[in-house]
Amino acid sequence: MRGSAVEKLERFTKNTLAVYLKNGVQLKTSESRTAEFGRWLGIS
């Protein structure tokens, strides 16, 4: 991902995605928003 701050995305649990940033920050989606977030990213 050129110019992206995102290092990788992975399933954290069945209903949660983890987003790992290049600066070491880890973000997790809320269970109620994971499906919507995945659609926005184009991965679900």
Foldseek 3Di string as FASTA:
>chain_A
DPPDQWPDWDAPDPQKIWTAGPVGDIDIDDSVCRVVVCVVVPND
